[in-house]
N, C-alpha and C. Protein backbone atom coordinates (compact mmCIF):
# COMPACT_ATOMS: atom_id res chain seq x y z
N MET A 1 31.16 12.57 -10.08
CA MET A 1 31.77 12.72 -11.22
C MET A 1 31.28 11.95 -12.75
N GLY A 2 30.34 11.83 -12.62
CA GLY A 2 30.01 11.04 -13.99
C GLY A 2 30.81 10.29 -14.70
N ILE A 3 30.47 10.36 -15.99
CA ILE A 3 30.91 9.23 -16.80
C ILE A 3 32.65 9.82 -17.82
N LEU A 4 32.81 11.18 -17.40
CA LEU A 4 34.33 11.35 -17.99
C LEU A 4 35.31 10.67 -17.71
N PRO A 5 35.87 10.68 -15.99
CA PRO A 5 36.69 10.07 -16.00
C PRO A 5 37.00 8.42 -16.60
N PHE A 6 35.63 7.64 -16.57
CA PHE A 6 35.59 6.59 -17.27
C PHE A 6 35.84 6.86 -18.93
N MET A 7 35.52 7.56 -19.44
CA MET A 7 35.80 7.80 -20.59
C MET A 7 37.34 8.28 -21.19
N GLN A 8 38.04 8.89 -20.30
CA GLN A 8 39.07 9.17 -20.40
C GLN A 8 40.26 8.04 -20.28
N LYS A 9 39.50 7.35 -19.91
CA LYS A 9 40.95 5.96 -19.87
C LYS A 9 40.00 4.45 -20.37
N ILE A 10 38.65 4.91 -21.29
CA ILE A 10 38.53 3.98 -21.75
C ILE A 10 39.20 2.68 -22.67
N GLU A 11 40.43 3.65 -23.29
CA GLU A 11 41.21 2.83 -24.11
C GLU A 11 41.69 1.99 -23.52
N ILE A 12 42.19 2.46 -22.56
CA ILE A 12 43.82 1.59 -21.66
C ILE A 12 42.16 0.14 -21.18
N LEU A 13 41.13 0.75 -20.57
CA LEU A 13 40.41 -0.71 -20.08
C LEU A 13 39.94 -1.59 -20.77
N PHE A 14 39.60 -1.28 -22.28
CA PHE A 14 39.91 -1.74 -23.56
C PHE A 14 40.90 -3.01 -23.86
N GLY A 15 42.23 -2.26 -23.81
CA GLY A 15 43.14 -2.87 -23.96
C GLY A 15 43.41 -4.03 -22.70
N ASN A 16 42.80 -3.51 -21.51
CA ASN A 16 43.79 -4.56 -20.51
C ASN A 16 42.31 -6.08 -20.39
N ALA A 17 41.04 -5.51 -21.02
CA ALA A 17 40.13 -6.57 -21.18
C ALA A 17 40.71 -7.64 -22.19
N VAL A 18 41.06 -6.94 -23.39
CA VAL A 18 41.67 -7.85 -24.57
C VAL A 18 42.73 -8.53 -24.13
N ARG A 19 43.89 -7.60 -23.61
CA ARG A 19 45.05 -8.72 -22.99
C ARG A 19 44.92 -9.77 -22.13
N LYS A 20 43.99 -9.41 -21.47
CA LYS A 20 42.96 -10.60 -20.16
C LYS A 20 42.82 -11.84 -20.98
N ARG A 21 42.01 -11.71 -21.66
CA ARG A 21 41.21 -12.51 -22.44
C ARG A 21 42.47 -13.42 -23.91
N ARG A 22 42.90 -12.74 -24.11
CA ARG A 22 44.05 -13.19 -25.04
C ARG A 22 45.05 -14.12 -24.59
N GLN A 23 45.67 -13.80 -23.21
CA GLN A 23 46.43 -14.53 -22.33
C GLN A 23 46.13 -15.70 -21.93
N GLU A 24 44.45 -15.21 -21.73
CA GLU A 24 43.69 -16.70 -21.07
C GLU A 24 43.46 -17.79 -22.37
N MET A 25 43.57 -17.41 -23.23
CA MET A 25 43.71 -18.28 -24.36
C MET A 25 45.00 -18.78 -24.73
N GLY A 26 45.90 -18.31 -24.45
CA GLY A 26 47.33 -19.01 -24.91
C GLY A 26 47.59 -18.34 -26.03
N LEU A 27 47.46 -17.15 -26.14
CA LEU A 27 47.48 -16.58 -27.73
C LEU A 27 49.13 -15.76 -27.58
N SER A 28 49.67 -16.12 -28.62
CA SER A 28 50.97 -14.84 -28.28
C SER A 28 50.32 -13.32 -28.93
N GLN A 29 50.36 -12.75 -29.09
CA GLN A 29 49.73 -11.40 -29.89
C GLN A 29 50.17 -11.50 -31.67
N GLU A 30 51.05 -11.93 -31.78
CA GLU A 30 51.33 -11.96 -33.19
C GLU A 30 50.04 -13.20 -33.44
N ASP A 31 49.71 -14.32 -32.96
CA ASP A 31 49.09 -15.41 -33.30
C ASP A 31 47.87 -14.65 -33.28
N PHE A 32 47.76 -13.78 -31.85
CA PHE A 32 46.04 -13.17 -32.03
C PHE A 32 46.02 -12.47 -33.21
N ALA A 33 47.24 -11.46 -33.74
CA ALA A 33 46.73 -10.78 -34.42
C ALA A 33 46.63 -11.49 -36.03
N ASP A 34 46.59 -12.10 -36.16
CA ASP A 34 46.25 -13.04 -37.27
C ASP A 34 45.05 -13.41 -37.12
N LYS A 35 44.71 -14.09 -35.93
CA LYS A 35 43.75 -14.22 -36.05
C LYS A 35 42.71 -13.56 -35.88
N ALA A 36 43.14 -12.21 -35.50
CA ALA A 36 41.79 -11.36 -35.72
C ALA A 36 42.10 -10.51 -37.26
N GLY A 37 42.92 -10.61 -37.66
CA GLY A 37 43.17 -9.99 -39.09
C GLY A 37 43.91 -8.23 -38.79
N ILE A 38 44.29 -8.18 -38.28
CA ILE A 38 45.42 -7.23 -38.04
C ILE A 38 46.78 -7.38 -38.04
N HIS A 39 47.91 -6.18 -37.55
CA HIS A 39 48.73 -6.15 -37.79
C HIS A 39 49.34 -6.57 -35.84
N ARG A 40 50.44 -7.10 -35.61
CA ARG A 40 50.73 -7.48 -34.26
C ARG A 40 51.18 -6.21 -33.62
N THR A 41 51.56 -5.60 -34.00
CA THR A 41 51.85 -3.64 -33.71
C THR A 41 50.58 -3.02 -32.95
N TYR A 42 49.74 -3.48 -34.02
CA TYR A 42 48.50 -2.58 -33.95
C TYR A 42 47.66 -3.31 -32.28
N VAL A 43 47.89 -4.52 -32.06
CA VAL A 43 47.41 -5.37 -31.38
C VAL A 43 48.26 -4.93 -30.02
N SER A 44 49.19 -4.70 -30.02
CA SER A 44 50.20 -4.10 -28.94
C SER A 44 49.32 -2.70 -28.41
N SER A 45 49.79 -1.63 -29.34
CA SER A 45 48.70 -0.41 -29.40
C SER A 45 47.69 -0.17 -28.65
N ILE A 46 46.50 -1.58 -29.09
CA ILE A 46 45.54 -1.53 -28.43
C ILE A 46 45.83 -1.93 -27.06
N GLU A 47 46.57 -2.99 -26.79
CA GLU A 47 46.64 -3.68 -25.25
C GLU A 47 47.33 -2.51 -24.46
N LEU A 48 48.04 -1.72 -25.01
CA LEU A 48 48.67 -0.66 -24.38
C LEU A 48 47.61 0.72 -23.90
N GLY A 49 46.71 0.53 -24.94
CA GLY A 49 45.55 1.72 -24.56
C GLY A 49 46.26 2.89 -25.44
N LYS A 50 46.93 2.70 -26.33
CA LYS A 50 47.48 3.78 -27.27
C LYS A 50 46.18 4.33 -28.33
N VAL A 51 45.27 3.95 -28.34
CA VAL A 51 44.78 3.65 -29.92
C VAL A 51 43.06 3.72 -29.60
N GLN A 52 42.53 4.55 -30.05
CA GLN A 52 41.11 4.35 -30.20
C GLN A 52 40.40 3.40 -31.57
N VAL A 53 40.22 2.02 -30.88
CA VAL A 53 39.60 1.17 -32.09
C VAL A 53 38.03 1.55 -32.53
N SER A 54 37.64 1.13 -33.36
CA SER A 54 36.41 1.75 -33.98
C SER A 54 35.37 0.03 -33.61
N ILE A 55 34.10 0.45 -34.15
CA ILE A 55 33.49 -0.56 -33.21
C ILE A 55 34.03 -2.06 -34.39
N ARG A 56 33.91 -1.97 -35.70
CA ARG A 56 34.69 -3.20 -36.60
C ARG A 56 36.01 -3.55 -35.95
N ILE A 57 36.50 -2.92 -35.67
CA ILE A 57 37.84 -3.57 -35.19
C ILE A 57 37.35 -4.19 -33.72
N ALA A 58 36.88 -3.57 -33.01
CA ALA A 58 36.11 -4.21 -31.48
C ALA A 58 36.03 -5.51 -31.61
N ALA A 59 34.95 -5.74 -32.84
CA ALA A 59 33.99 -6.69 -32.95
C ALA A 59 34.90 -7.85 -33.93
N GLN A 60 35.94 -7.60 -34.22
CA GLN A 60 36.85 -8.24 -34.96
C GLN A 60 37.75 -9.37 -33.60
N LEU A 61 38.11 -8.23 -32.53
CA LEU A 61 38.94 -8.50 -31.56
C LEU A 61 38.05 -9.44 -30.69
N ALA A 62 36.71 -9.15 -30.76
CA ALA A 62 36.23 -10.35 -29.79
C ALA A 62 35.83 -11.38 -30.71
N ASP A 63 35.44 -11.39 -31.78
CA ASP A 63 35.76 -12.50 -32.88
C ASP A 63 36.76 -13.60 -32.67
N ALA A 64 37.56 -12.82 -32.40
CA ALA A 64 38.89 -13.64 -32.66
C ALA A 64 39.12 -13.98 -31.17
N LEU A 65 38.57 -13.69 -30.20
CA LEU A 65 38.62 -13.89 -28.49
C LEU A 65 37.74 -14.84 -28.04
N GLU A 66 36.90 -15.17 -29.28
CA GLU A 66 35.76 -15.93 -28.96
C GLU A 66 34.67 -15.52 -27.90
N VAL A 67 34.73 -14.49 -28.10
CA VAL A 67 33.24 -13.97 -27.23
C VAL A 67 32.32 -12.82 -28.06
N PRO A 68 31.32 -13.23 -27.49
CA PRO A 68 30.60 -11.61 -27.71
C PRO A 68 30.88 -11.01 -27.72
N LEU A 69 30.96 -9.07 -28.14
CA LEU A 69 31.16 -8.12 -27.95
C LEU A 69 30.72 -7.20 -26.41
N SER A 70 29.61 -7.95 -26.20
CA SER A 70 29.08 -7.52 -24.74
C SER A 70 30.05 -7.84 -24.09
N VAL A 71 30.37 -9.06 -24.24
CA VAL A 71 31.93 -10.11 -22.98
C VAL A 71 32.78 -8.91 -23.15
N LEU A 72 33.43 -7.93 -23.70
CA LEU A 72 34.60 -7.50 -23.48
C LEU A 72 33.90 -6.13 -23.18
N TRP A 73 32.98 -5.86 -23.06
CA TRP A 73 32.38 -4.47 -22.27
C TRP A 73 31.87 -4.54 -20.89
N ARG A 74 31.43 -5.97 -20.72
CA ARG A 74 31.18 -6.32 -19.17
C ARG A 74 32.64 -6.16 -18.35
N ASP A 75 33.49 -6.50 -19.30
CA ASP A 75 35.33 -7.01 -18.39
C ASP A 75 35.48 -5.40 -18.11
N ILE A 76 35.16 -4.85 -19.11
CA ILE A 76 35.72 -3.15 -19.14
C ILE A 76 34.68 -2.43 -17.87
N GLU A 77 33.46 -2.51 -17.62
CA GLU A 77 33.02 -2.26 -16.83
C GLU A 77 33.00 -3.02 -15.44
N GLN A 78 33.02 -4.19 -15.28
CA GLN A 78 33.56 -4.60 -13.90
C GLN A 78 35.12 -4.20 -13.35
N GLY A 79 36.05 -3.58 -14.57
CA GLY A 79 37.39 -3.38 -14.25
C GLY A 79 37.00 -1.94 -14.03
N GLN A 80 36.25 -0.94 -14.58
CA GLN A 80 36.20 0.60 -13.62
C GLN A 80 35.37 0.51 -12.34
N SER A 81 34.31 -0.33 -12.09
CA SER A 81 34.02 -0.43 -10.97
C SER A 81 34.93 -0.79 -10.04
N GLY A 82 35.87 -1.94 -10.29
CA GLY A 82 36.74 -2.48 -9.45
C GLY A 82 37.75 -1.37 -9.01
N ASN A 83 37.98 -0.42 -9.95
CA ASN A 83 38.73 0.81 -9.74
C ASN A 83 38.51 2.08 -8.98
N ARG A 84 37.34 2.04 -8.97
CA ARG A 84 36.82 3.29 -8.26
C ARG A 84 37.41 3.35 -7.04
N LYS A 85 37.30 4.61 -6.20
CA LYS A 85 37.79 5.15 -4.99
C LYS A 85 36.94 5.80 -4.37
N GLY A 86 36.98 5.36 -3.27
CA GLY A 86 35.67 6.28 -2.26
C GLY A 86 34.21 5.73 -2.40
């Protein structure tokens, strides 16, 4: 199937990775939003996979999560491989 199914849900996978790490840090969406320098409702939209974030915002989120951006991508890739059927 190639990369297309992955690309169709990249926003959801990214949001899940952000939410998981935020919760592991014990941060509310509001506290995390403040730390990342974005609005809380935007964090909610990101975590729900409703928006495409720019690379700049992705980097801000990773910084607020205190991990390199590459760690979030690794989480996404692991989530994708864990969801493969067949």
